[in-house]
N, C-alpha and C. Protein backbone atom coordinates (compact mmCIF):
# COMPACT_ATOMS: atom_id res chain seq x y z
N MET A 1 136.52 130.38 -16.89
CA MET A 1 137.41 130.77 -17.34
C MET A 1 137.32 131.82 -18.26
N LYS A 2 138.59 133.04 -17.23
CA LYS A 2 138.38 134.80 -18.42
C LYS A 2 138.93 134.12 -20.34
N LYS A 3 138.18 135.23 -20.79
CA LYS A 3 138.57 134.94 -21.90
C LYS A 3 139.60 135.72 -22.58
N SER A 4 140.53 135.59 -22.85
CA SER A 4 141.16 136.60 -23.62
C SER A 4 141.38 137.10 -24.49
N ARG A 5 141.93 138.47 -25.05
CA ARG A 5 141.11 139.02 -26.30
C ARG A 5 141.82 138.65 -27.42
N PHE A 6 142.96 137.83 -26.30
CA PHE A 6 144.07 137.92 -28.12
C PHE A 6 143.76 136.59 -28.56
N THR A 7 144.06 136.18 -29.32
CA THR A 7 143.69 134.92 -30.23
C THR A 7 144.98 133.69 -30.06
N GLU A 8 144.77 132.98 -30.23
CA GLU A 8 146.54 132.03 -30.48
C GLU A 8 146.99 132.36 -31.09
N GLU A 9 146.70 132.96 -32.35
CA GLU A 9 147.87 133.22 -33.07
C GLU A 9 148.55 134.41 -33.21
N GLN A 10 147.66 135.27 -32.17
CA GLN A 10 148.37 136.82 -31.73
C GLN A 10 149.27 136.03 -30.88
N ILE A 11 149.23 135.36 -29.40
CA ILE A 11 149.98 134.55 -28.54
C ILE A 11 151.40 134.05 -29.27
N VAL A 12 151.01 133.04 -30.08
CA VAL A 12 152.02 132.41 -30.84
C VAL A 12 152.87 133.16 -31.39
N PHE A 13 152.16 134.51 -32.20
CA PHE A 13 153.15 135.34 -32.95
C PHE A 13 154.57 136.40 -32.54
N ALA A 14 153.45 136.45 -31.02
CA ALA A 14 154.06 137.32 -29.71
C ALA A 14 155.43 136.53 -29.55
N LEU A 15 155.68 135.62 -28.87
CA LEU A 15 156.12 134.31 -28.55
C LEU A 15 157.61 134.17 -29.49
N LYS A 16 156.52 134.51 -30.88
CA LYS A 16 157.97 133.77 -31.94
C LYS A 16 158.64 134.63 -32.26
N GLN A 17 158.11 136.40 -31.93
CA GLN A 17 158.88 136.95 -32.21
C GLN A 17 160.15 137.58 -31.40
N ALA A 18 159.97 137.56 -30.11
CA ALA A 18 160.92 136.98 -28.74
C ALA A 18 161.83 136.47 -29.70
N GLU A 19 161.31 135.29 -29.39
CA GLU A 19 162.50 133.84 -30.20
C GLU A 19 163.12 134.44 -30.79
N LEU A 20 163.09 134.96 -32.18
CA LEU A 20 163.51 135.67 -33.07
C LEU A 20 164.47 136.71 -32.83
N GLY A 21 164.05 137.53 -31.81
CA GLY A 21 165.50 138.75 -31.09
C GLY A 21 164.88 139.82 -30.77
N THR A 22 163.23 140.47 -31.22
CA THR A 22 163.15 141.43 -31.05
C THR A 22 162.74 141.35 -28.94
N ALA A 23 162.74 142.96 -29.31
CA ALA A 23 163.49 142.72 -27.55
C ALA A 23 161.56 142.35 -27.01
N VAL A 24 161.36 141.79 -25.71
CA VAL A 24 160.74 141.80 -25.26
C VAL A 24 159.79 142.88 -24.56
N PRO A 25 160.34 143.94 -24.40
CA PRO A 25 159.31 145.42 -24.11
C PRO A 25 159.13 145.59 -25.33
N ASP A 26 159.64 145.82 -26.57
CA ASP A 26 159.24 145.82 -27.95
C ASP A 26 158.21 145.42 -28.09
N VAL A 27 157.79 144.03 -27.91
CA VAL A 27 156.76 143.30 -27.88
C VAL A 27 155.35 143.39 -27.36
N CYS A 28 156.39 143.81 -26.06
CA CYS A 28 154.61 143.93 -25.35
C CYS A 28 154.04 145.11 -25.53
N ARG A 29 155.19 146.18 -25.98
CA ARG A 29 154.52 147.63 -26.46
C ARG A 29 153.64 147.43 -27.61
N LYS A 30 154.21 146.83 -28.93
CA LYS A 30 153.05 146.30 -30.09
C LYS A 30 151.90 145.87 -29.54
N LEU A 31 152.22 145.21 -28.56
CA LEU A 31 150.37 144.27 -27.83
C LEU A 31 149.51 144.87 -27.15
N GLY A 32 150.12 145.62 -26.21
CA GLY A 32 149.43 146.69 -25.57
C GLY A 32 149.26 145.99 -24.08
N ILE A 33 150.35 144.95 -23.73
CA ILE A 33 150.58 143.79 -22.68
C ILE A 33 151.64 144.51 -21.55
N SER A 34 151.63 143.67 -20.34
CA SER A 34 152.17 143.88 -19.85
C SER A 34 153.77 142.91 -20.04
N ASP A 35 154.81 143.30 -19.45
CA ASP A 35 155.81 142.34 -19.58
C ASP A 35 155.37 140.85 -18.67
N ALA A 36 154.68 141.00 -17.71
CA ALA A 36 154.16 139.70 -16.77
C ALA A 36 153.03 138.87 -17.89
N THR A 37 152.13 139.63 -18.84
CA THR A 37 151.42 139.14 -19.36
C THR A 37 152.21 138.38 -20.21
N PHE A 38 153.39 138.49 -20.78
CA PHE A 38 154.34 138.02 -21.62
C PHE A 38 154.91 136.75 -21.16
N TYR A 39 155.33 137.15 -20.13
CA TYR A 39 155.95 135.79 -19.44
C TYR A 39 155.05 134.96 -18.70
N THR A 40 154.01 134.89 -18.46
CA THR A 40 152.89 134.41 -18.34
C THR A 40 152.46 133.73 -19.42
N TRP A 41 152.61 134.10 -21.10
CA TRP A 41 152.54 133.24 -21.75
C TRP A 41 153.40 132.13 -22.24
N ARG A 42 155.00 132.82 -22.17
CA ARG A 42 155.70 132.11 -22.55
C ARG A 42 155.50 130.87 -21.97
N LYS A 43 155.47 131.11 -20.15
CA LYS A 43 155.50 129.72 -19.30
C LYS A 43 154.60 128.72 -19.80
N LYS A 44 153.36 129.37 -20.13
CA LYS A 44 152.20 128.53 -20.58
C LYS A 44 152.47 127.58 -21.73
N TYR A 45 152.41 128.38 -22.67
CA TYR A 45 152.24 128.46 -23.96
C TYR A 45 153.57 128.20 -24.89
N GLY A 46 154.67 128.26 -24.62
CA GLY A 46 156.19 128.34 -25.32
C GLY A 46 156.11 127.04 -26.29
N GLY A 47 156.74 126.74 -27.18
CA GLY A 47 156.78 125.59 -27.70
C GLY A 47 155.58 125.04 -28.47
N ILE A 48 154.36 125.67 -28.21
CA ILE A 48 153.37 124.81 -28.94
C ILE A 48 152.83 125.80 -29.77
N SER A 49 152.35 124.63 -31.14
CA SER A 49 151.90 125.67 -32.29
C SER A 49 150.12 126.32 -31.98
N PRO A 50 149.45 127.41 -32.97
CA PRO A 50 148.26 127.88 -32.46
C PRO A 50 147.52 126.71 -33.18
N SER A 51 147.55 125.67 -33.28
CA SER A 51 146.37 124.44 -33.59
C SER A 51 146.16 124.04 -32.09
N GLU A 52 147.41 123.37 -31.45
CA GLU A 52 147.92 123.29 -29.99
C GLU A 52 146.81 123.82 -29.09
N LEU A 53 147.27 124.73 -29.19
CA LEU A 53 147.27 125.94 -28.28
C LEU A 53 145.62 126.47 -28.01
N LYS A 54 145.17 126.26 -29.09
CA LYS A 54 143.51 126.34 -29.57
C LYS A 54 143.19 125.07 -29.01
N HIS A 55 143.55 123.88 -29.06
CA HIS A 55 143.02 122.51 -28.56
C HIS A 55 143.26 122.16 -26.96
N MET A 56 144.33 123.17 -26.59
CA MET A 56 144.32 122.97 -25.10
C MET A 56 143.38 124.37 -24.70
N ARG A 57 143.48 125.14 -25.13
CA ARG A 57 141.99 126.25 -24.45
C ARG A 57 140.59 125.68 -24.67
N GLN A 58 140.44 124.41 -25.46
CA GLN A 58 139.29 123.88 -25.65
C GLN A 58 138.96 123.37 -24.91
N LEU A 59 140.20 122.41 -24.46
CA LEU A 59 140.44 121.59 -23.58
C LEU A 59 139.75 122.18 -21.75
N GLU A 60 140.51 123.07 -21.77
CA GLU A 60 140.55 124.05 -20.22
C GLU A 60 138.89 124.58 -20.04
N GLU A 61 138.39 124.85 -21.44
CA GLU A 61 136.83 125.33 -21.15
C GLU A 61 135.98 124.17 -21.12
N GLU A 62 136.49 122.90 -21.34
CA GLU A 62 135.32 121.75 -21.89
C GLU A 62 135.82 121.48 -19.61
N ASN A 63 137.03 121.62 -19.59
CA ASN A 63 137.45 121.14 -18.43
C ASN A 63 136.74 121.71 -17.40
N LEU A 64 136.03 122.66 -17.20
CA LEU A 64 135.77 123.71 -16.21
C LEU A 64 134.45 123.99 -16.43
N ARG A 65 133.73 123.58 -17.36
CA ARG A 65 132.27 123.50 -17.62
C ARG A 65 131.60 121.77 -16.63
N LEU A 66 132.87 120.87 -16.93
CA LEU A 66 132.20 119.39 -16.30
C LEU A 66 132.36 119.71 -14.39
N LYS A 67 133.78 120.69 -14.56
CA LYS A 67 133.55 120.86 -12.58
C LYS A 67 132.30 121.52 -12.74
N LYS A 68 132.11 122.66 -13.07
CA LYS A 68 130.77 122.92 -12.80
C LYS A 68 129.52 122.01 -12.44
N LEU A 69 129.45 121.52 -13.68
CA LEU A 69 128.28 120.35 -13.81
C LEU A 69 128.97 118.95 -12.28
N VAL A 70 129.88 118.55 -12.15
CA VAL A 70 129.86 117.97 -10.97
C VAL A 70 129.32 118.95 -9.66
N ALA A 71 129.61 120.11 -9.58
CA ALA A 71 129.43 120.74 -8.27
C ALA A 71 128.31 120.98 -8.23
N ASP A 72 127.69 121.47 -9.20
CA ASP A 72 126.17 121.15 -9.45
C ASP A 72 125.12 119.86 -8.87
N LEU A 73 125.25 118.88 -9.56
CA LEU A 73 125.31 117.84 -9.14
C LEU A 73 125.32 116.90 -7.72
N SER A 74 126.48 117.43 -7.62
CA SER A 74 126.25 117.12 -5.78
C SER A 74 125.52 118.15 -5.36
N LEU A 75 125.55 119.19 -5.36
CA LEU A 75 124.74 119.91 -4.48
C LEU A 75 123.22 119.37 -4.68
N ASP A 76 122.74 118.84 -5.80
CA ASP A 76 121.37 118.35 -5.49
C ASP A 76 121.34 116.81 -5.36
N LYS A 77 122.76 116.14 -5.21
CA LYS A 77 122.89 114.76 -4.20
C LYS A 77 122.66 114.91 -2.67
N ALA A 78 123.63 116.23 -2.10
CA ALA A 78 123.29 116.29 -1.16
C ALA A 78 121.94 116.77 -0.89
N MET A 79 120.99 118.01 -1.11
CA MET A 79 119.66 118.18 -0.82
C MET A 79 118.84 116.73 -1.20
N LEU A 80 118.90 115.66 -1.73
CA LEU A 80 117.98 114.78 -1.64
C LEU A 80 118.16 114.01 -0.71
N GLN A 81 119.65 114.04 -0.65
CA GLN A 81 119.20 113.25 0.66
C GLN A 81 118.72 113.30 1.76
N ASP A 82 119.13 114.55 2.02
CA ASP A 82 118.89 115.62 2.90
C ASP A 82 116.97 115.20 3.10
N VAL A 83 115.95 115.46 2.17
CA VAL A 83 115.01 115.05 2.16
C VAL A 83 114.51 113.89 1.97
N LEU A 84 115.46 112.98 2.06
CA LEU A 84 115.38 111.47 2.08
C LEU A 84 115.33 111.22 3.86
N ALA A 85 116.33 111.69 4.36
CA ALA A 85 116.99 111.40 5.50
C ALA A 85 115.83 112.03 6.68
N LYS A 86 115.29 113.47 6.25
CA LYS A 86 114.09 113.99 6.92
C LYS A 86 112.70 112.69 6.77
N LYS A 87 112.49 112.45 5.28
CA LYS A 87 111.13 111.32 5.28
C LYS A 87 111.17 110.48 6.24
N SER A 88 112.70 109.92 6.43
CA SER A 88 112.99 108.65 7.30
C SER A 88 112.70 108.47 9.17
């Protein structure tokens, strides 16, 4: 997963500013992000606290790591099965 250059607190702060009435283009300009990035954040992280966001990111990173591990183990298994099939 691509590492965000923004912290959980910055993302939640940006979303909260828009909720409190600051115009979305103004929030985006201050952070140097596109409107699309802001709306992606709002769709993905809207309504959660910084600690919940941090926990969610940790789970996403762990999920990615485990998926890679499963893929590696699946390849190892397939190679071992090929070797066994050739020996038989």
